[in-house]
Amino acid sequence: MSHDLLRTLRPLLAAEASAEAHASGADSADLEQAVWLRLLELLDVQGPPADPERWLRSAVRSEVRRSRRTTRLEHPYGAEPADEAAPGPEGLALRAARHRALRDAVRRLPGRCPRLVEALLSPRDLTYREIAGELGISQGSLGPERSRCLGCLRRLLAPEVAAYGARG
């Protein structure tokens, strides 16, 4: 990537990501990193965009939409389906089985994903800064790393999710 292009786009990206993050509830550092990654991928495939500023604004908005879609699909850990609000023995057994399946899948994740997901699931409710410090990585890389790890976890849990859906 040209240093001139980087120097030109950095303040614009910071401003756009900050404005969009504030309006959407996303993290501006995560937005910035995702857009830089998209730019690197674009440069690798087809070279620099014809209108870098326009491309950047569009990429930021696209990442915000992606973030909103992902947020809508995510559910907080511990949130149980409504039919298990006051579970009997069967509901407790099913919940325990789901928790075991989750913990087993987390242990099978590659690289530092198990430690990252355990930190995210921690009852201490750690901040991104605290998690990054525990893992020894930059806070800005935590969002993309989290996305990769959760994608792996989703794939590992797909059979359990399908089996649970078939029972319900």
C-alpha atoms as a PDB file:
ATOM      1  CA  MET A   1       0.000   0.000   0.000  1.00  0.00           C
ATOM      2  CA  SER A   2       1.356   3.426  -0.892  1.00  0.00           C
ATOM      3  CA  HIS A   3       2.400   5.515   2.109  1.00  0.00           C
ATOM      4  CA  ASP A   4       0.696   8.517   0.503  1.00  0.00           C
ATOM      5  CA  LEU A   5      -2.583   6.620   0.249  1.00  0.00           C
ATOM      6  CA  LEU A   6      -2.228   5.511   3.854  1.00  0.00           C
ATOM      7  CA  ARG A   7      -1.477   9.044   5.040  1.00  0.00           C
ATOM      8  CA  THR A   8      -4.405  10.422   3.046  1.00  0.00           C
ATOM      9  CA  LEU A   9      -6.960   7.867   4.199  1.00  0.00           C
ATOM     10  CA  ARG A  10      -5.983   7.488   7.872  1.00  0.00           C
ATOM     11  CA  PRO A  11      -7.671  10.687   9.192  1.00  0.00           C
ATOM     12  CA  LEU A  12     -10.713  10.196   6.973  1.00  0.00           C
ATOM     13  CA  LEU A  13     -11.103   6.597   8.126  1.00  0.00           C
ATOM     14  CA  ALA A  14     -10.749   7.601  11.789  1.00  0.00           C
ATOM     15  CA  ALA A  15     -13.424  10.289  11.373  1.00  0.00           C
ATOM     16  CA  GLU A  16     -15.824   8.079   9.394  1.00  0.00           C
ATOM     17  CA  ALA A  17     -15.405   5.093  11.718  1.00  0.00           C
ATOM     18  CA  SER A  18     -15.877   7.273  14.791  1.00  0.00           C
ATOM     19  CA  ALA A  19     -19.043   8.866  13.411  1.00  0.00           C
ATOM     20  CA  GLU A  20     -20.548   5.572  12.247  1.00  0.00           C
ATOM     21  CA  ALA A  21     -19.552   3.735  15.424  1.00  0.00           C
ATOM     22  CA  HIS A  22     -21.182   6.352  17.596  1.00  0.00           C
ATOM     23  CA  ALA A  23     -24.410   6.172  15.597  1.00  0.00           C
ATOM     24  CA  SER A  24     -24.512   2.361  15.361  1.00  0.00           C
ATOM     25  CA  GLY A  25     -23.053   1.251  18.672  1.00  0.00           C
ATOM     26  CA  ALA A  26     -20.123  -0.487  16.975  1.00  0.00           C
ATOM     27  CA  ASP A  27     -16.508  -0.119  18.099  1.00  0.00           C
ATOM     28  CA  SER A  28     -14.665   2.449  15.969  1.00  0.00           C
ATOM     29  CA  ALA A  29     -11.312   0.634  16.295  1.00  0.00           C
ATOM     30  CA  ASP A  30     -12.936  -2.590  15.040  1.00  0.00           C
ATOM     31  CA  LEU A  31     -14.465  -0.711  12.109  1.00  0.00           C
ATOM     32  CA  GLU A  32     -11.129   0.873  11.228  1.00  0.00           C
ATOM     33  CA  GLN A  33      -9.304  -2.441  11.334  1.00  0.00           C
ATOM     34  CA  ALA A  34     -11.960  -4.182   9.244  1.00  0.00           C
ATOM     35  CA  VAL A  35     -11.776  -1.445   6.588  1.00  0.00           C
ATOM     36  CA  TRP A  36      -7.952  -1.568   6.492  1.00  0.00           C
ATOM     37  CA  LEU A  37      -8.209  -5.320   5.992  1.00  0.00           C
ATOM     38  CA  ARG A  38     -10.745  -4.878   3.170  1.00  0.00           C
ATOM     39  CA  LEU A  39      -8.424  -2.327   1.544  1.00  0.00           C
ATOM     40  CA  LEU A  40      -5.469  -4.714   1.736  1.00  0.00           C
ATOM     41  CA  GLU A  41      -7.582  -7.464   0.182  1.00  0.00           C
ATOM     42  CA  LEU A  42      -8.719  -5.083  -2.562  1.00  0.00           C
ATOM     43  CA  LEU A  43      -5.150  -3.970  -3.265  1.00  0.00           C
ATOM     44  CA  ASP A  44      -4.048  -7.599  -3.522  1.00  0.00           C
ATOM     45  CA  VAL A  45      -6.784  -8.451  -6.032  1.00  0.00           C
ATOM     46  CA  GLN A  46      -7.274  -5.367  -8.188  1.00  0.00           C
ATOM     47  CA  GLY A  47      -5.016  -2.556  -6.982  1.00  0.00           C
ATOM     48  CA  PRO A  48      -5.985   0.774  -5.435  1.00  0.00           C
ATOM     49  CA  PRO A  49      -9.546   2.029  -5.883  1.00  0.00           C
ATOM     50  CA  ALA A  50     -10.112   4.731  -8.470  1.00  0.00           C
ATOM     51  CA  ASP A  51     -11.667   7.037  -5.864  1.00  0.00           C
ATOM     52  CA  PRO A  52     -10.116   6.008  -2.519  1.00  0.00           C
ATOM     53  CA  GLU A  53     -12.141   8.440  -0.379  1.00  0.00           C
ATOM     54  CA  ARG A  54     -15.449   7.310  -1.856  1.00  0.00           C
ATOM     55  CA  TRP A  55     -14.430   3.666  -1.555  1.00  0.00           C
ATOM     56  CA  LEU A  56     -13.474   4.199   2.091  1.00  0.00           C
ATOM     57  CA  ARG A  57     -16.791   5.832   3.000  1.00  0.00           C
ATOM     58  CA  SER A  58     -18.650   2.986   1.311  1.00  0.00           C
ATOM     59  CA  ALA A  59     -16.496   0.359   3.039  1.00  0.00           C
ATOM     60  CA  VAL A  60     -17.121   1.888   6.479  1.00  0.00           C
ATOM     61  CA  ARG A  61     -20.879   1.864   5.917  1.00  0.00           C
ATOM     62  CA  SER A  62     -20.734  -1.697   4.624  1.00  0.00           C
ATOM     63  CA  GLU A  63     -18.815  -2.814   7.729  1.00  0.00           C
ATOM     64  CA  VAL A  64     -21.380  -1.093   9.949  1.00  0.00           C
ATOM     65  CA  ARG A  65     -24.191  -2.990   8.201  1.00  0.00           C
ATOM     66  CA  ARG A  66     -22.269  -6.250   8.618  1.00  0.00           C
ATOM     67  CA  SER A  67     -21.739  -5.452  12.297  1.00  0.00           C
ATOM     68  CA  ARG A  68     -25.454  -4.774  12.788  1.00  0.00           C
ATOM     69  CA  ARG A  69     -26.397  -8.072  11.129  1.00  0.00           C
ATOM     70  CA  THR A  70     -23.918  -9.961  13.304  1.00  0.00           C
ATOM     71  CA  THR A  71     -25.133  -8.239  16.460  1.00  0.00           C
ATOM     72  CA  ARG A  72     -28.751  -9.147  15.683  1.00  0.00           C
ATOM     73  CA  LEU A  73     -27.799 -12.804  15.355  1.00  0.00           C
ATOM     74  CA  GLU A  74     -25.721 -13.000  18.537  1.00  0.00           C
ATOM     75  CA  HIS A  75     -27.333 -13.855  21.849  1.00  0.00           C
ATOM     76  CA  PRO A  76     -25.741 -13.290  25.234  1.00  0.00           C
ATOM     77  CA  TYR A  77     -24.213 -16.327  26.896  1.00  0.00           C
ATOM     78  CA  GLY A  78     -26.551 -17.687  29.487  1.00  0.00           C
ATOM     79  CA  ALA A  79     -29.722 -16.584  27.675  1.00  0.00           C
ATOM     80  CA  GLU A  80     -31.920 -19.639  27.541  1.00  0.00           C
ATOM     81  CA  PRO A  81     -34.872 -20.248  25.231  1.00  0.00           C
ATOM     82  CA  ALA A  82     -38.236 -19.191  26.663  1.00  0.00           C
ATOM     83  CA  ASP A  83     -39.378 -22.793  27.109  1.00  0.00           C
ATOM     84  CA  GLU A  84     -36.616 -23.245  29.689  1.00  0.00           C
ATOM     85  CA  ALA A  85     -37.427 -20.219  31.849  1.00  0.00           C
ATOM     86  CA  ALA A  86     -38.587 -22.505  34.671  1.00  0.00           C
ATOM     87  CA  PRO A  87     -37.020 -25.819  33.631  1.00  0.00           C
ATOM     88  CA  GLY A  88     -37.832 -29.195  35.114  1.00  0.00           C
ATOM     89  CA  PRO A  89     -35.344 -32.051  35.240  1.00  0.00           C
ATOM     90  CA  GLU A  90     -35.407 -32.554  31.465  1.00  0.00           C
ATOM     91  CA  GLY A  91     -34.779 -28.862  30.787  1.00  0.00           C
ATOM     92  CA  LEU A  92     -31.906 -28.818  33.283  1.00  0.00           C
ATOM     93  CA  ALA A  93     -30.373 -31.874  31.630  1.00  0.00           C
ATOM     94  CA  LEU A  94     -30.687 -30.316  28.163  1.00  0.00           C
ATOM     95  CA  ARG A  95     -29.148 -27.056  29.379  1.00  0.00           C
ATOM     96  CA  ALA A  96     -26.257 -28.933  31.026  1.00  0.00           C
ATOM     97  CA  ALA A  97     -25.689 -30.872  27.779  1.00  0.00           C
ATOM     98  CA  ARG A  98     -25.607 -27.639  25.760  1.00  0.00           C
ATOM     99  CA  HIS A  99     -23.119 -26.078  28.191  1.00  0.00           C
ATOM    100  CA  ARG A 100     -20.900 -29.181  28.010  1.00  0.00           C
ATOM    101  CA  ALA A 101     -21.048 -29.112  24.205  1.00  0.00           C
ATOM    102  CA  LEU A 102     -20.088 -25.435  24.237  1.00  0.00           C
ATOM    103  CA  ARG A 103     -17.147 -25.957  26.608  1.00  0.00           C
ATOM    104  CA  ASP A 104     -15.947 -29.002  24.625  1.00  0.00           C
ATOM    105  CA  ALA A 105     -16.120 -27.042  21.361  1.00  0.00           C
ATOM    106  CA  VAL A 106     -14.245 -24.101  22.920  1.00  0.00           C
ATOM    107  CA  ARG A 107     -11.429 -26.463  23.981  1.00  0.00           C
ATOM    108  CA  ARG A 108     -11.182 -27.770  20.384  1.00  0.00           C
ATOM    109  CA  LEU A 109     -10.733 -24.301  18.865  1.00  0.00           C
ATOM    110  CA  PRO A 110      -7.390 -23.554  17.158  1.00  0.00           C
ATOM    111  CA  GLY A 111      -4.621 -21.256  18.380  1.00  0.00           C
ATOM    112  CA  ARG A 112      -5.421 -18.753  21.076  1.00  0.00           C
ATOM    113  CA  CYS A 113      -9.166 -18.970  20.417  1.00  0.00           C
ATOM    114  CA  PRO A 114      -9.876 -21.111  23.494  1.00  0.00           C
ATOM    115  CA  ARG A 115      -8.322 -18.507  25.791  1.00  0.00           C
ATOM    116  CA  LEU A 116     -10.094 -15.662  23.988  1.00  0.00           C
ATOM    117  CA  VAL A 117     -13.532 -17.301  24.132  1.00  0.00           C
ATOM    118  CA  GLU A 118     -13.033 -18.278  27.782  1.00  0.00           C
ATOM    119  CA  ALA A 119     -12.182 -14.644  28.531  1.00  0.00           C
ATOM    120  CA  LEU A 120     -15.301 -13.494  26.668  1.00  0.00           C
ATOM    121  CA  LEU A 121     -17.424 -15.985  28.628  1.00  0.00           C
ATOM    122  CA  SER A 122     -15.798 -15.097  31.931  1.00  0.00           C
ATOM    123  CA  PRO A 123     -18.219 -14.216  34.737  1.00  0.00           C
ATOM    124  CA  ARG A 124     -15.844 -11.356  35.564  1.00  0.00           C
ATOM    125  CA  ASP A 125     -17.246  -9.539  32.474  1.00  0.00           C
ATOM    126  CA  LEU A 126     -13.814  -8.400  31.246  1.00  0.00           C
ATOM    127  CA  THR A 127     -13.422  -5.359  28.999  1.00  0.00           C
ATOM    128  CA  TYR A 128     -11.687  -5.623  25.625  1.00  0.00           C
ATOM    129  CA  ARG A 129      -8.684  -3.841  27.155  1.00  0.00           C
ATOM    130  CA  GLU A 130      -8.466  -6.427  29.961  1.00  0.00           C
ATOM    131  CA  ILE A 131      -8.864  -9.352  27.565  1.00  0.00           C
ATOM    132  CA  ALA A 132      -6.201  -7.952  25.218  1.00  0.00           C
ATOM    133  CA  GLY A 133      -3.852  -7.539  28.181  1.00  0.00           C
ATOM    134  CA  GLU A 134      -4.454 -11.119  29.364  1.00  0.00           C
ATOM    135  CA  LEU A 135      -3.848 -12.516  25.875  1.00  0.00           C
ATOM    136  CA  GLY A 136      -0.915 -10.235  25.078  1.00  0.00           C
ATOM    137  CA  ILE A 137      -2.442  -8.871  21.856  1.00  0.00           C
ATOM    138  CA  SER A 138      -3.422  -5.386  20.747  1.00  0.00           C
ATOM    139  CA  GLN A 139      -6.915  -4.216  21.587  1.00  0.00           C
ATOM    140  CA  GLY A 140      -7.523  -3.325  17.929  1.00  0.00           C
ATOM    141  CA  SER A 141      -6.913  -6.900  16.773  1.00  0.00           C
ATOM    142  CA  LEU A 142      -9.282  -8.340  19.364  1.00  0.00           C
ATOM    143  CA  GLY A 143     -12.478  -7.715  17.356  1.00  0.00           C
ATOM    144  CA  PRO A 144     -11.303  -9.455  14.163  1.00  0.00           C
ATOM    145  CA  GLU A 145      -9.745 -12.266  16.218  1.00  0.00           C
ATOM    146  CA  ARG A 146     -13.046 -12.641  18.116  1.00  0.00           C
ATOM    147  CA  SER A 147     -14.936 -12.849  14.814  1.00  0.00           C
ATOM    148  CA  ARG A 148     -12.626 -15.578  13.493  1.00  0.00           C
ATOM    149  CA  CYS A 149     -12.862 -17.563  16.730  1.00  0.00           C
ATOM    150  CA  LEU A 150     -16.651 -17.289  16.885  1.00  0.00           C
ATOM    151  CA  GLY A 151     -16.862 -18.399  13.237  1.00  0.00           C
ATOM    152  CA  CYS A 152     -14.815 -21.499  14.093  1.00  0.00           C
ATOM    153  CA  LEU A 153     -16.989 -22.096  17.157  1.00  0.00           C
ATOM    154  CA  ARG A 154     -20.160 -21.806  15.052  1.00  0.00           C
ATOM    155  CA  ARG A 155     -18.842 -24.453  12.656  1.00  0.00           C
ATOM    156  CA  LEU A 156     -17.880 -26.773  15.522  1.00  0.00           C
ATOM    157  CA  LEU A 157     -21.289 -26.384  17.149  1.00  0.00           C
ATOM    158  CA  ALA A 158     -23.357 -26.734  13.959  1.00  0.00           C
ATOM    159  CA  PRO A 159     -24.190 -30.423  14.619  1.00  0.00           C
ATOM    160  CA  GLU A 160     -25.274 -29.676  18.200  1.00  0.00           C
ATOM    161  CA  VAL A 161     -27.408 -26.748  17.076  1.00  0.00           C
ATOM    162  CA  ALA A 162     -29.057 -28.878  14.376  1.00  0.00           C
ATOM    163  CA  ALA A 163     -29.738 -31.653  16.902  1.00  0.00           C
ATOM    164  CA  TYR A 164     -31.215 -29.182  19.393  1.00  0.00           C
ATOM    165  CA  GLY A 165     -33.450 -27.703  16.679  1.00  0.00           C
ATOM    166  CA  ALA A 166     -34.682 -31.160  15.727  1.00  0.00           C
ATOM    167  CA  ARG A 167     -35.700 -31.842  19.352  1.00  0.00           C
ATOM    168  CA  GLY A 168     -37.473 -28.488  19.826  1.00  0.00           C
END
